[in-house]
N, C-alpha and C. Protein backbone atom coordinates (compact mmCIF):
# COMPACT_ATOMS: atom_id res chain seq x y z
N MET A 1 1.11 -1.39 0.12
CA MET A 1 0.00 -0.17 0.23
C MET A 1 0.67 1.26 -0.34
N ALA A 2 2.33 1.07 0.87
CA ALA A 2 2.90 2.42 1.13
C ALA A 2 3.32 2.52 -0.82
N GLN A 3 3.77 1.62 -1.47
CA GLN A 3 4.30 2.05 -3.04
C GLN A 3 3.26 2.08 -3.66
N MET A 4 1.72 2.14 -3.45
CA MET A 4 0.98 2.33 -4.57
C MET A 4 0.51 4.11 -4.58
N ASP A 5 0.64 4.35 -2.96
CA ASP A 5 0.32 5.80 -2.55
C ASP A 5 1.85 6.43 -2.87
N THR A 6 3.12 5.52 -2.95
CA THR A 6 4.04 6.52 -3.43
C THR A 6 4.13 6.97 -5.08
N TYR A 7 3.61 6.16 -6.10
CA TYR A 7 3.25 5.53 -7.04
C TYR A 7 2.18 6.65 -7.20
N HIS A 8 1.02 6.92 -6.41
CA HIS A 8 0.20 8.12 -6.87
C HIS A 8 0.54 9.95 -6.43
N SER A 9 1.39 9.20 -5.79
CA SER A 9 1.65 11.25 -5.14
C SER A 9 2.74 11.60 -6.36
N VAL A 10 3.74 10.56 -7.01
CA VAL A 10 4.87 10.91 -7.54
C VAL A 10 3.94 11.67 -9.36
N SER A 11 3.17 10.59 -9.72
CA SER A 11 2.35 10.61 -11.26
C SER A 11 0.97 11.82 -10.74
N GLU A 12 1.09 12.35 -9.66
CA GLU A 12 0.09 13.65 -10.30
C GLU A 12 0.97 14.67 -10.05
N SER A 13 2.25 14.57 -9.07
CA SER A 13 3.45 15.72 -9.45
C SER A 13 3.33 16.14 -11.30
N PHE A 14 3.51 15.49 -12.14
CA PHE A 14 3.44 15.79 -13.01
C PHE A 14 2.28 15.97 -13.96
N GLU A 15 2.89 16.65 -15.11
CA GLU A 15 1.41 17.11 -15.40
C GLU A 15 1.01 16.47 -16.96
N VAL A 16 0.07 16.09 -17.49
CA VAL A 16 0.11 15.45 -18.61
C VAL A 16 0.29 16.40 -20.61
N ALA A 17 1.02 16.75 -20.74
CA ALA A 17 0.80 17.27 -21.88
C ALA A 17 0.23 16.90 -22.71
N ARG A 18 -0.82 18.20 -23.07
CA ARG A 18 -1.78 18.02 -24.39
C ARG A 18 -1.36 17.98 -25.48
N VAL A 19 -1.50 16.90 -26.77
CA VAL A 19 -1.08 17.37 -28.01
C VAL A 19 -1.99 18.20 -28.83
N PRO A 20 -1.80 18.85 -29.51
CA PRO A 20 -3.13 19.70 -30.41
C PRO A 20 -3.70 19.10 -30.82
N SER A 21 -4.54 19.30 -31.45
CA SER A 21 -5.24 18.44 -32.66
C SER A 21 -4.72 18.54 -34.07
N ARG A 22 -4.71 17.79 -35.06
CA ARG A 22 -4.34 17.56 -36.18
C ARG A 22 -5.60 18.72 -37.09
N ARG A 23 -5.86 19.87 -37.29
CA ARG A 23 -6.84 20.28 -37.81
C ARG A 23 -6.76 20.75 -39.13
N GLY A 24 -6.78 20.15 -40.55
CA GLY A 24 -6.71 20.73 -41.91
C GLY A 24 -6.71 22.24 -42.11
N ILE A 25 -6.35 22.64 -43.22
CA ILE A 25 -6.90 23.84 -44.00
C ILE A 25 -8.26 24.13 -44.69
N SER A 26 -9.35 24.29 -43.81
CA SER A 26 -10.95 24.69 -44.07
C SER A 26 -10.83 24.93 -46.27
N LYS A 27 -11.62 24.62 -46.89
CA LYS A 27 -11.21 24.91 -48.33
C LYS A 27 -11.57 26.21 -48.59
N SER A 28 -12.68 27.23 -47.58
CA SER A 28 -13.11 28.34 -48.49
C SER A 28 -11.52 29.24 -47.83
N LEU A 29 -10.30 28.82 -47.04
CA LEU A 29 -9.42 29.52 -47.28
C LEU A 29 -8.55 29.33 -47.59
N LEU A 30 -8.63 27.82 -48.44
CA LEU A 30 -7.87 27.53 -49.52
C LEU A 30 -8.30 28.13 -50.78
N ARG A 31 -9.19 28.02 -50.91
CA ARG A 31 -9.83 28.85 -51.82
C ARG A 31 -9.18 30.44 -52.22
N TYR A 32 -9.61 31.10 -50.99
CA TYR A 32 -9.20 32.42 -50.95
C TYR A 32 -8.12 33.01 -51.17
N LEU A 33 -6.84 31.85 -50.78
CA LEU A 33 -5.71 32.16 -51.17
C LEU A 33 -5.23 31.88 -52.24
N VAL A 34 -5.89 31.03 -53.58
CA VAL A 34 -5.71 30.25 -53.88
C VAL A 34 -6.23 31.64 -55.33
N ALA A 35 -7.30 32.50 -55.02
CA ALA A 35 -7.81 33.48 -56.02
C ALA A 35 -6.72 34.22 -55.52
N THR A 36 -6.40 34.74 -54.70
CA THR A 36 -5.08 35.73 -53.82
C THR A 36 -4.07 35.84 -54.98
N LEU A 37 -3.36 34.42 -55.25
CA LEU A 37 -2.33 34.26 -55.93
C LEU A 37 -3.08 34.75 -57.45
N ALA A 38 -3.87 34.53 -57.87
CA ALA A 38 -3.68 34.61 -59.10
C ALA A 38 -4.28 36.37 -60.03
N VAL A 39 -4.76 36.69 -59.01
CA VAL A 39 -5.30 38.45 -59.18
C VAL A 39 -3.38 38.96 -58.78
N CYS A 40 -2.63 38.42 -58.15
CA CYS A 40 -1.46 39.09 -58.40
C CYS A 40 -0.74 38.69 -59.34
N ALA A 41 -1.01 37.58 -59.67
CA ALA A 41 -0.38 37.14 -60.75
C ALA A 41 -0.59 38.04 -62.16
N CYS A 42 -2.10 37.65 -62.24
CA CYS A 42 -2.53 39.01 -63.58
C CYS A 42 -2.12 40.62 -63.24
N VAL A 43 -2.10 40.89 -62.45
CA VAL A 43 -1.27 42.19 -62.25
C VAL A 43 -0.15 42.02 -62.38
N VAL A 44 0.85 41.02 -62.37
CA VAL A 44 1.85 41.31 -62.66
C VAL A 44 2.27 41.05 -64.39
N ALA A 45 1.87 40.07 -64.21
CA ALA A 45 1.57 40.11 -66.14
C ALA A 45 1.14 41.01 -66.79
N PHE A 46 -0.07 42.19 -66.35
CA PHE A 46 -0.25 43.01 -67.10
C PHE A 46 0.15 44.55 -66.86
N ALA A 47 0.99 44.61 -66.43
CA ALA A 47 2.21 45.31 -65.87
C ALA A 47 3.77 45.35 -66.87
N PHE A 48 4.01 44.10 -66.56
CA PHE A 48 5.22 43.17 -67.50
C PHE A 48 4.67 43.67 -69.34
N ARG A 49 3.56 43.14 -69.54
CA ARG A 49 2.59 43.73 -70.70
C ARG A 49 2.58 44.73 -71.33
N SER A 50 2.13 45.95 -70.56
CA SER A 50 2.01 47.73 -70.49
C SER A 50 3.28 48.30 -71.15
N GLN A 51 4.39 47.52 -69.92
CA GLN A 51 5.60 47.86 -70.12
C GLN A 51 6.46 47.75 -72.09
N SER A 52 6.11 46.73 -72.00
CA SER A 52 6.85 46.50 -73.12
C SER A 52 6.28 46.38 -74.69
N LEU A 53 5.10 46.73 -74.13
CA LEU A 53 4.35 47.29 -75.19
C LEU A 53 4.65 49.30 -75.77
N GLU A 54 4.48 49.62 -74.65
CA GLU A 54 4.77 51.21 -74.56
C GLU A 54 6.51 51.14 -75.19
N SER A 55 7.35 50.12 -74.67
CA SER A 55 8.83 50.63 -75.33
C SER A 55 8.62 50.12 -76.74
N ALA A 56 8.16 49.09 -77.19
CA ALA A 56 7.83 48.68 -78.73
C ALA A 56 7.20 49.25 -79.81
N LEU A 57 6.46 50.53 -78.83
CA LEU A 57 5.89 51.76 -80.16
C LEU A 57 6.76 52.97 -79.74
N VAL A 58 7.48 52.86 -78.69
CA VAL A 58 8.50 54.13 -78.72
C VAL A 58 9.69 53.51 -79.55
N THR A 59 9.90 52.38 -79.70
CA THR A 59 10.77 52.24 -80.65
C THR A 59 10.83 52.24 -81.92
N THR A 60 9.33 51.48 -82.55
CA THR A 60 8.80 51.83 -84.12
C THR A 60 9.01 53.37 -84.46
N ARG A 61 8.59 54.19 -83.53
CA ARG A 61 8.49 55.90 -84.20
C ARG A 61 9.75 56.11 -84.21
N THR A 62 11.04 55.52 -83.78
CA THR A 62 12.08 55.70 -83.74
C THR A 62 12.68 56.01 -84.58
N ILE A 63 12.57 54.02 -84.82
CA ILE A 63 13.09 53.83 -86.67
C ILE A 63 12.57 54.01 -88.18
N SER A 64 11.38 54.14 -87.64
CA SER A 64 10.66 55.42 -88.48
C SER A 64 10.81 56.52 -88.92
N GLY A 65 11.34 57.11 -87.77
CA GLY A 65 11.95 58.85 -88.13
C GLY A 65 10.97 59.44 -87.42
N LEU A 66 9.62 58.87 -86.98
CA LEU A 66 8.85 59.56 -85.92
C LEU A 66 9.29 60.26 -85.11
N THR A 67 8.25 61.75 -84.54
CA THR A 67 8.94 61.80 -83.56
C THR A 67 8.61 61.33 -82.10
N PRO A 68 8.83 60.44 -81.54
CA PRO A 68 8.78 59.44 -80.24
C PRO A 68 7.66 60.01 -79.78
N LEU A 69 6.82 59.76 -78.88
CA LEU A 69 5.56 60.11 -77.97
C LEU A 69 6.24 59.97 -76.36
N PRO A 70 5.83 60.69 -75.44
CA PRO A 70 6.11 60.91 -74.31
C PRO A 70 5.45 59.56 -73.76
N THR A 71 6.42 58.96 -72.64
CA THR A 71 6.03 57.60 -72.25
C THR A 71 5.70 57.32 -70.61
N SER A 72 4.92 58.90 -70.68
CA SER A 72 4.12 58.43 -69.44
C SER A 72 3.00 57.60 -69.16
N ARG A 73 2.70 57.51 -70.30
CA ARG A 73 1.18 56.23 -70.37
C ARG A 73 1.59 55.79 -71.62
N MET A 74 0.52 54.49 -71.52
CA MET A 74 0.50 53.83 -73.03
C MET A 74 -0.10 54.52 -74.55
N GLN A 75 0.23 54.68 -75.70
CA GLN A 75 0.56 55.31 -76.29
C GLN A 75 -0.30 54.39 -77.72
N ARG A 76 -1.23 54.95 -78.01
CA ARG A 76 -2.22 54.33 -79.07
C ARG A 76 -1.39 54.23 -80.32
N GLY A 77 -0.86 55.33 -81.16
CA GLY A 77 0.39 54.39 -82.19
C GLY A 77 -0.39 54.72 -83.45
N VAL A 78 -1.03 55.20 -83.36
CA VAL A 78 -1.87 55.17 -84.57
C VAL A 78 -1.64 56.71 -85.70
N GLU A 79 -1.23 56.53 -86.93
CA GLU A 79 -0.66 57.54 -87.78
C GLU A 79 -1.33 57.23 -88.96
N ALA A 80 -1.75 58.57 -89.65
CA ALA A 80 -2.19 58.51 -90.96
C ALA A 80 -1.51 59.98 -91.87
N TYR A 81 -0.81 59.55 -92.28
CA TYR A 81 -0.12 61.30 -93.22
C TYR A 81 0.56 61.84 -92.15
N GLY A 82 0.98 61.14 -91.22
CA GLY A 82 1.70 62.23 -90.28
C GLY A 82 0.86 62.56 -89.02
N VAL A 83 -0.73 62.03 -88.88
CA VAL A 83 -1.31 62.77 -87.85
C VAL A 83 -1.24 61.89 -86.91
N SER A 84 -1.08 62.56 -85.62
CA SER A 84 -1.37 61.05 -84.06
C SER A 84 -3.18 61.29 -83.87
N PHE A 85 -3.45 60.28 -84.10
CA PHE A 85 -4.99 60.21 -83.17
C PHE A 85 -4.60 59.64 -81.76
N GLY A 86 -5.43 60.91 -80.58
CA GLY A 86 -5.38 60.16 -79.71
C GLY A 86 -3.55 60.22 -78.87
N THR A 87 -4.08 60.31 -77.31
CA THR A 87 -2.98 60.23 -76.67
C THR A 87 -2.49 59.15 -75.34
N GLY A 88 -3.58 58.41 -75.47
CA GLY A 88 -3.71 57.60 -74.73
C GLY A 88 -4.65 56.34 -74.84
N ILE A 89 -4.98 55.10 -74.46
CA ILE A 89 -5.32 53.85 -75.09
C ILE A 89 -6.80 53.95 -74.59
N ASN A 90 -7.35 55.00 -73.27
CA ASN A 90 -8.48 54.58 -73.09
C ASN A 90 -9.62 56.20 -73.47
N GLU A 91 -8.09 57.20 -74.03
CA GLU A 91 -9.10 58.34 -73.53
C GLU A 91 -9.51 58.64 -75.27
N ARG A 92 -10.93 59.77 -74.89
CA ARG A 92 -11.40 59.57 -76.19
C ARG A 92 -11.20 60.63 -77.35
N ILE A 93 -11.64 59.78 -78.72
CA ILE A 93 -11.21 61.04 -79.79
C ILE A 93 -11.88 62.23 -79.78
N SER A 94 -11.92 63.70 -80.02
CA SER A 94 -12.18 64.67 -80.44
C SER A 94 -13.07 64.75 -81.61
N LYS A 95 -14.06 65.40 -82.14
CA LYS A 95 -14.57 65.88 -83.08
C LYS A 95 -13.82 66.36 -84.14
N ARG A 96 -12.90 66.97 -83.78
CA ARG A 96 -11.73 67.68 -85.03
C ARG A 96 -10.73 65.98 -85.34
N GLU A 97 -10.52 65.29 -84.48
CA GLU A 97 -9.47 64.32 -84.85
C GLU A 97 -10.31 63.03 -85.63
N ARG A 98 -12.05 62.79 -85.36
CA ARG A 98 -12.82 62.23 -86.36
C ARG A 98 -12.75 62.57 -87.16
N ARG A 99 -13.22 63.93 -87.35
CA ARG A 99 -13.20 64.65 -89.09
C ARG A 99 -11.77 64.40 -90.05
N MET A 100 -10.70 64.42 -88.83
CA MET A 100 -9.50 64.83 -89.95
C MET A 100 -9.72 62.95 -90.38
N ARG A 101 -10.38 61.93 -89.44
CA ARG A 101 -9.80 60.70 -89.81
C ARG A 101 -11.01 60.34 -91.44
N ARG A 102 -11.98 60.77 -91.76
CA ARG A 102 -12.86 61.12 -92.37
C ARG A 102 -12.21 62.01 -93.39
N LYS A 103 -11.39 62.67 -93.24
CA LYS A 103 -11.71 63.81 -94.41
C LYS A 103 -9.99 62.85 -95.30
N LEU A 104 -9.44 62.14 -94.44
CA LEU A 104 -8.26 61.48 -95.07
C LEU A 104 -8.37 60.45 -95.59
N SER A 105 -9.61 59.59 -95.42
CA SER A 105 -10.55 58.63 -96.07
C SER A 105 -11.38 59.14 -97.40
N ILE A 106 -11.55 60.17 -97.48
CA ILE A 106 -12.14 60.52 -98.49
C ILE A 106 -11.13 60.91 -99.42
N ARG A 107 -9.73 61.62 -99.22
CA ARG A 107 -9.30 61.79 -100.06
C ARG A 107 -8.15 61.10 -100.41
N LYS A 108 -8.52 60.08 -99.83
CA LYS A 108 -7.82 58.73 -100.23
C LYS A 108 -8.38 57.97 -102.16
N LYS A 109 -9.73 58.73 -101.76
CA LYS A 109 -10.80 57.93 -102.95
C LYS A 109 -10.92 59.32 -103.98
N ILE A 110 -10.99 60.29 -103.61
CA ILE A 110 -11.19 61.53 -104.39
C ILE A 110 -9.90 62.80 -105.00
N SER A 111 -9.20 62.72 -106.22
CA SER A 111 -8.18 63.45 -106.71
C SER A 111 -8.35 63.75 -107.93
N GLY A 112 -8.52 65.72 -107.37
CA GLY A 112 -9.09 66.39 -109.08
C GLY A 112 -7.67 66.86 -109.69
N THR A 113 -8.64 66.76 -110.95
CA THR A 113 -7.25 67.54 -112.18
C THR A 113 -7.75 68.56 -112.75
N ALA A 114 -6.92 68.70 -114.12
CA ALA A 114 -7.34 70.34 -114.45
C ALA A 114 -9.34 70.28 -114.93
N ASP A 115 -8.86 69.35 -115.74
CA ASP A 115 -10.64 69.61 -116.69
C ASP A 115 -11.36 68.67 -115.29
N ASN A 116 -11.71 67.95 -114.26
CA ASN A 116 -12.34 67.58 -113.49
C ASN A 116 -11.79 67.71 -111.88
N PRO A 117 -11.66 68.79 -111.22
CA PRO A 117 -11.23 69.71 -110.60
C PRO A 117 -12.17 68.46 -109.40
N ARG A 118 -11.70 69.11 -108.08
CA ARG A 118 -12.13 68.68 -106.61
C ARG A 118 -12.32 69.99 -106.17
N LEU A 119 -14.08 70.04 -105.47
CA LEU A 119 -14.58 70.99 -105.98
C LEU A 119 -14.90 70.92 -103.56
N SER A 120 -13.92 71.20 -103.09
CA SER A 120 -13.32 71.28 -101.20
C SER A 120 -14.14 72.66 -100.84
N VAL A 121 -14.79 71.85 -99.46
CA VAL A 121 -15.58 72.99 -99.14
C VAL A 121 -15.24 73.18 -97.87
N PHE A 122 -14.76 74.12 -97.44
CA PHE A 122 -14.86 74.29 -95.22
C PHE A 122 -15.77 75.74 -94.94
N ARG A 123 -16.07 74.64 -93.65
CA ARG A 123 -17.03 75.87 -93.12
C ARG A 123 -16.28 76.12 -91.86
N SER A 124 -17.32 77.08 -90.77
CA SER A 124 -16.40 78.06 -89.71
C SER A 124 -18.30 78.13 -89.15
N ASN A 125 -18.14 79.13 -88.10
CA ASN A 125 -18.83 79.08 -87.51
C ASN A 125 -19.92 79.96 -88.34
N LYS A 126 -19.09 80.91 -88.87
CA LYS A 126 -19.47 81.81 -89.42
C LYS A 126 -19.82 82.19 -91.07
N HIS A 127 -18.60 81.71 -91.55
CA HIS A 127 -18.42 81.50 -92.62
C HIS A 127 -18.80 80.11 -93.43
N ILE A 128 -18.38 79.94 -94.67
CA ILE A 128 -18.67 78.87 -95.61
C ILE A 128 -17.49 79.24 -96.80
N TYR A 129 -16.94 78.28 -97.05
CA TYR A 129 -15.99 78.46 -98.64
C TYR A 129 -16.23 76.99 -99.39
N GLY A 130 -15.90 77.55 -100.13
CA GLY A 130 -15.75 76.53 -101.39
C GLY A 130 -14.43 77.05 -102.98
N GLN A 131 -13.53 75.87 -102.78
CA GLN A 131 -12.62 76.10 -104.20
C GLN A 131 -12.44 74.61 -104.92
N LEU A 132 -12.15 75.29 -106.12
CA LEU A 132 -11.87 73.95 -107.19
C LEU A 132 -10.36 73.68 -107.38
N ILE A 133 -9.58 72.50 -107.21
CA ILE A 133 -8.36 72.21 -107.38
C ILE A 133 -7.82 71.19 -107.45
N ASP A 134 -6.74 71.92 -108.35
CA ASP A 134 -6.23 70.87 -109.41
C ASP A 134 -4.91 69.90 -108.29
N ASP A 135 -5.50 68.58 -108.37
CA ASP A 135 -4.63 67.96 -107.10
C ASP A 135 -3.34 67.59 -107.71
N GLU A 136 -3.30 67.55 -109.02
CA GLU A 136 -2.20 67.23 -110.00
C GLU A 136 -0.64 68.56 -110.13
N LEU A 137 -1.59 69.34 -110.13
CA LEU A 137 -0.68 70.45 -110.05
C LEU A 137 -0.48 71.70 -108.61
N GLY A 138 -1.64 70.94 -108.07
CA GLY A 138 -1.61 71.55 -106.52
C GLY A 138 -2.11 73.31 -106.43
N HIS A 139 -2.36 73.98 -107.73
CA HIS A 139 -3.40 74.88 -107.44
C HIS A 139 -5.15 74.92 -107.30
N THR A 140 -5.36 76.01 -106.83
CA THR A 140 -6.60 76.31 -106.83
C THR A 140 -7.08 77.16 -107.91
N LEU A 141 -8.04 76.88 -109.22
CA LEU A 141 -8.64 76.16 -110.38
C LEU A 141 -9.47 78.19 -110.00
N ALA A 142 -10.88 77.64 -109.13
CA ALA A 142 -11.76 78.85 -108.79
C ALA A 142 -11.77 79.00 -106.99
N ALA A 143 -12.57 79.86 -106.64
CA ALA A 143 -12.67 80.36 -105.65
C ALA A 143 -14.27 81.06 -105.49
N ALA A 144 -14.22 80.50 -103.65
CA ALA A 144 -15.69 81.74 -103.00
C ALA A 144 -15.63 81.42 -102.42
N GLY A 145 -16.66 82.40 -101.21
CA GLY A 145 -16.35 82.57 -99.86
C GLY A 145 -17.42 83.39 -99.20
N THR A 146 -18.12 83.16 -98.13
CA THR A 146 -19.03 84.41 -97.39
C THR A 146 -17.65 85.80 -97.05
N VAL A 147 -17.42 85.59 -97.02
CA VAL A 147 -16.45 86.61 -96.83
C VAL A 147 -15.87 87.92 -97.61
N GLU A 148 -16.73 87.29 -98.81
CA GLU A 148 -16.64 88.73 -100.40
C GLU A 148 -16.50 89.73 -100.00
N LYS A 149 -16.43 91.06 -99.80
CA LYS A 149 -16.94 92.06 -99.46
C LYS A 149 -17.94 92.56 -100.47
N GLN A 150 -17.85 92.12 -101.82
CA GLN A 150 -18.82 92.02 -102.81
C GLN A 150 -19.75 91.39 -102.58
N LEU A 151 -20.08 90.40 -101.76
CA LEU A 151 -20.85 90.01 -102.07
C LEU A 151 -21.71 90.04 -101.12
N LYS A 152 -21.57 91.05 -99.89
CA LYS A 152 -22.06 91.47 -98.81
C LYS A 152 -24.00 91.46 -98.75
N ASP A 153 -24.13 92.33 -99.68
CA ASP A 153 -25.54 92.52 -99.95
C ASP A 153 -26.11 91.78 -100.03
N GLN A 154 -25.45 90.80 -100.79
CA GLN A 154 -26.51 89.71 -101.19
C GLN A 154 -26.87 88.76 -100.16
N PHE A 155 -26.14 88.83 -98.99
CA PHE A 155 -25.73 87.90 -97.60
C PHE A 155 -26.89 88.95 -96.48
N ALA A 156 -27.28 89.51 -97.49
CA ALA A 156 -27.90 90.75 -96.25
C ALA A 156 -29.24 90.32 -94.99
N ASP A 157 -30.11 89.61 -95.85
CA ASP A 157 -31.17 88.92 -95.21
C ASP A 157 -31.14 87.31 -95.43
N LYS A 158 -30.22 86.68 -95.60
CA LYS A 158 -30.43 85.76 -96.00
C LYS A 158 -30.01 84.82 -94.65
N THR A 159 -30.50 82.64 -94.92
CA THR A 159 -29.84 82.26 -93.66
C THR A 159 -28.47 81.86 -94.50
N PRO A 160 -27.69 81.26 -93.18
CA PRO A 160 -26.68 80.55 -93.22
C PRO A 160 -26.90 79.16 -94.79
N ARG A 161 -27.77 78.50 -94.35
CA ARG A 161 -27.83 78.14 -95.94
C ARG A 161 -28.35 78.53 -97.19
N GLU A 162 -28.69 79.46 -96.89
CA GLU A 162 -28.96 80.21 -98.32
C GLU A 162 -27.91 80.64 -99.08
N GLN A 163 -26.84 81.26 -97.83
CA GLN A 163 -25.85 82.14 -98.27
C GLN A 163 -24.59 80.87 -99.04
N ALA A 164 -25.18 79.71 -98.51
CA ALA A 164 -24.13 78.33 -98.82
C ALA A 164 -25.16 78.17 -100.21
N GLU A 165 -25.80 78.38 -100.62
CA GLU A 165 -25.81 77.42 -102.12
C GLU A 165 -25.59 78.90 -103.07
N ILE A 166 -25.99 80.16 -102.78
CA ILE A 166 -25.36 81.21 -103.59
C ILE A 166 -23.50 80.90 -103.59
N ILE A 167 -23.23 80.68 -102.15
CA ILE A 167 -21.73 80.02 -102.71
C ILE A 167 -21.59 79.41 -103.62
N GLY A 168 -22.40 78.30 -103.47
CA GLY A 168 -22.34 76.78 -104.74
C GLY A 168 -22.74 77.40 -106.27
N LYS A 169 -23.65 78.15 -106.23
CA LYS A 169 -23.75 79.08 -107.67
C LYS A 169 -22.75 80.07 -107.97
N LEU A 170 -21.84 80.66 -107.79
CA LEU A 170 -20.62 81.39 -107.80
C LEU A 170 -19.76 80.48 -108.24
N ILE A 171 -19.27 79.76 -107.36
CA ILE A 171 -18.52 78.53 -107.70
C ILE A 171 -18.69 78.17 -109.20
N ALA A 172 -19.98 77.52 -109.42
CA ALA A 172 -20.51 77.24 -110.61
C ALA A 172 -19.80 77.97 -111.95
N GLU A 173 -20.41 79.31 -112.49
CA GLU A 173 -20.24 80.51 -112.64
C GLU A 173 -18.69 81.00 -112.95
N ARG A 174 -18.16 81.03 -111.75
CA ARG A 174 -16.27 81.03 -111.79
C ARG A 174 -16.10 80.09 -112.78
N ALA A 175 -16.53 78.29 -112.63
CA ALA A 175 -15.92 77.26 -113.02
C ALA A 175 -16.29 77.11 -114.61
N LYS A 176 -17.61 77.49 -115.38
CA LYS A 176 -17.93 78.18 -116.27
C LYS A 176 -16.68 78.73 -117.49
N GLU A 177 -16.51 80.39 -116.53
CA GLU A 177 -15.20 81.07 -117.39
C GLU A 177 -14.72 80.65 -117.48
N LYS A 178 -13.91 79.33 -116.84
CA LYS A 178 -12.25 78.54 -116.92
C LYS A 178 -12.79 77.39 -117.75
N GLY A 179 -13.90 77.18 -118.27
CA GLY A 179 -13.95 76.01 -119.24
C GLY A 179 -14.45 75.30 -118.30
N ILE A 180 -14.88 75.05 -117.06
CA ILE A 180 -14.81 73.59 -116.30
C ILE A 180 -16.37 72.67 -116.29
N GLU A 181 -16.67 72.05 -116.14
CA GLU A 181 -18.03 71.55 -116.69
C GLU A 181 -18.59 70.64 -115.45
N THR A 182 -17.06 69.59 -114.95
CA THR A 182 -17.65 68.57 -114.03
C THR A 182 -16.43 68.98 -112.81
N ALA A 183 -17.22 68.64 -111.80
CA ALA A 183 -16.40 68.63 -110.05
C ALA A 183 -16.33 67.22 -109.54
N LYS A 184 -15.71 66.91 -108.71
CA LYS A 184 -15.90 65.49 -108.14
C LYS A 184 -15.14 66.66 -106.39
N PHE A 185 -17.12 66.05 -105.81
CA PHE A 185 -17.31 67.01 -104.25
C PHE A 185 -16.59 66.12 -102.97
N ASP A 186 -16.17 67.63 -102.42
CA ASP A 186 -14.76 66.29 -101.60
C ASP A 186 -16.06 67.67 -100.32
N ARG A 187 -16.38 66.65 -99.62
CA ARG A 187 -17.05 67.36 -98.32
C ARG A 187 -16.30 67.87 -97.03
N ASN A 188 -14.71 67.34 -97.30
CA ASN A 188 -13.53 67.56 -96.51
C ASN A 188 -13.97 67.06 -94.64
N GLY A 189 -14.73 65.78 -94.87
CA GLY A 189 -14.48 65.10 -93.86
C GLY A 189 -15.99 65.30 -93.12
N TYR A 190 -16.77 66.32 -93.33
CA TYR A 190 -18.09 66.85 -93.00
C TYR A 190 -19.01 66.08 -93.31
N LYS A 191 -20.04 66.54 -92.43
CA LYS A 191 -21.44 65.63 -92.75
C LYS A 191 -21.45 66.36 -93.93
N TYR A 192 -22.43 65.60 -95.14
CA TYR A 192 -23.25 65.83 -96.03
C TYR A 192 -24.84 66.84 -95.25
N HIS A 193 -24.64 67.16 -95.26
CA HIS A 193 -25.90 67.98 -93.98
C HIS A 193 -25.61 69.88 -93.93
N GLY A 194 -26.78 69.75 -94.13
CA GLY A 194 -26.80 71.64 -93.69
C GLY A 194 -26.48 72.48 -95.10
N ARG A 195 -24.96 73.43 -94.41
CA ARG A 195 -24.62 74.36 -95.57
C ARG A 195 -24.07 73.66 -96.36
N VAL A 196 -22.71 72.77 -96.18
CA VAL A 196 -22.16 72.07 -96.98
C VAL A 196 -23.28 70.92 -98.47
N ALA A 197 -23.97 70.60 -98.05
CA ALA A 197 -24.74 70.05 -98.84
C ALA A 197 -25.82 71.22 -99.53
N ALA A 198 -25.99 72.61 -98.84
CA ALA A 198 -26.36 73.28 -100.18
C ALA A 198 -25.22 73.65 -100.88
N VAL A 199 -23.93 73.48 -100.80
CA VAL A 199 -22.96 74.64 -101.27
C VAL A 199 -23.07 73.81 -103.27
N ALA A 200 -23.54 71.98 -102.73
CA ALA A 200 -23.18 71.13 -103.61
C ALA A 200 -24.69 71.26 -104.43
N ALA A 201 -25.34 71.75 -103.99
CA ALA A 201 -27.14 71.68 -104.02
C ALA A 201 -27.05 73.02 -105.38
N GLY A 202 -26.03 74.55 -104.45
CA GLY A 202 -26.15 75.46 -105.23
C GLY A 202 -25.49 74.77 -106.76
N ALA A 203 -23.99 74.31 -106.34
CA ALA A 203 -23.17 74.31 -107.66
C ALA A 203 -24.14 73.36 -108.71
N ARG A 204 -24.54 72.89 -108.30
CA ARG A 204 -25.79 72.01 -109.27
C ARG A 204 -26.43 72.52 -109.84
N ASP A 205 -26.94 73.90 -109.50
CA ASP A 205 -28.02 74.56 -109.82
C ASP A 205 -27.35 75.22 -110.84
N GLY A 206 -26.53 75.94 -110.93
CA GLY A 206 -25.12 76.82 -111.58
C GLY A 206 -24.79 76.05 -112.47
N GLY A 207 -25.40 74.87 -112.81
CA GLY A 207 -24.97 74.38 -114.04
C GLY A 207 -23.19 73.38 -114.31
N LEU A 208 -23.00 72.94 -112.55
CA LEU A 208 -21.76 72.30 -112.30
C LEU A 208 -22.31 70.78 -112.42
N THR A 209 -21.70 70.11 -112.96
CA THR A 209 -21.69 68.82 -112.61
C THR A 209 -20.72 67.85 -112.08
N ILE A 210 -21.61 67.07 -110.55
CA ILE A 210 -21.16 66.83 -109.37
C ILE A 210 -21.13 65.47 -110.08
């Protein structure tokens, strides 16, 4: 009995070490870690690709003899006859740049000659102009505009559209004086509407075939 009492007293003096339970990683935590790693990988890949594309555009412009665009952000690199459209990949194109695109697209298809010149129209907020152009020589054969002082009396009580029709008729008259009967209408990137269409209508009424 004495030995048993000694055994109990010794065993009670020691604390039994608790072994922690082996609990696995939950599925939700594992999914969160995988998604985080995937997002980080996508961000790194996009940053590397953007830097490579920017350096490639700058190198291309340098080789082609064009002025390098600023490298502060990614460039469009869209070129048409030396005109650069837009300064950033997400920036909107202005109205003027859209008109320039339409203008260049039209000019690829239309070219004037001495016998069949190009009737080019330009309009501002107050005035409108038209001129017959020989693109082979780069000469203006005839021109008219609402800024001419001798036409001031005719425009006294006329609407802008009526003034444009008068300009079209005047261009047709001046074309006939030089033996020109036909022309190719160049709307110069504007919509065929309003004053621009009125110039074409006036030229047809004046006897010029367009």
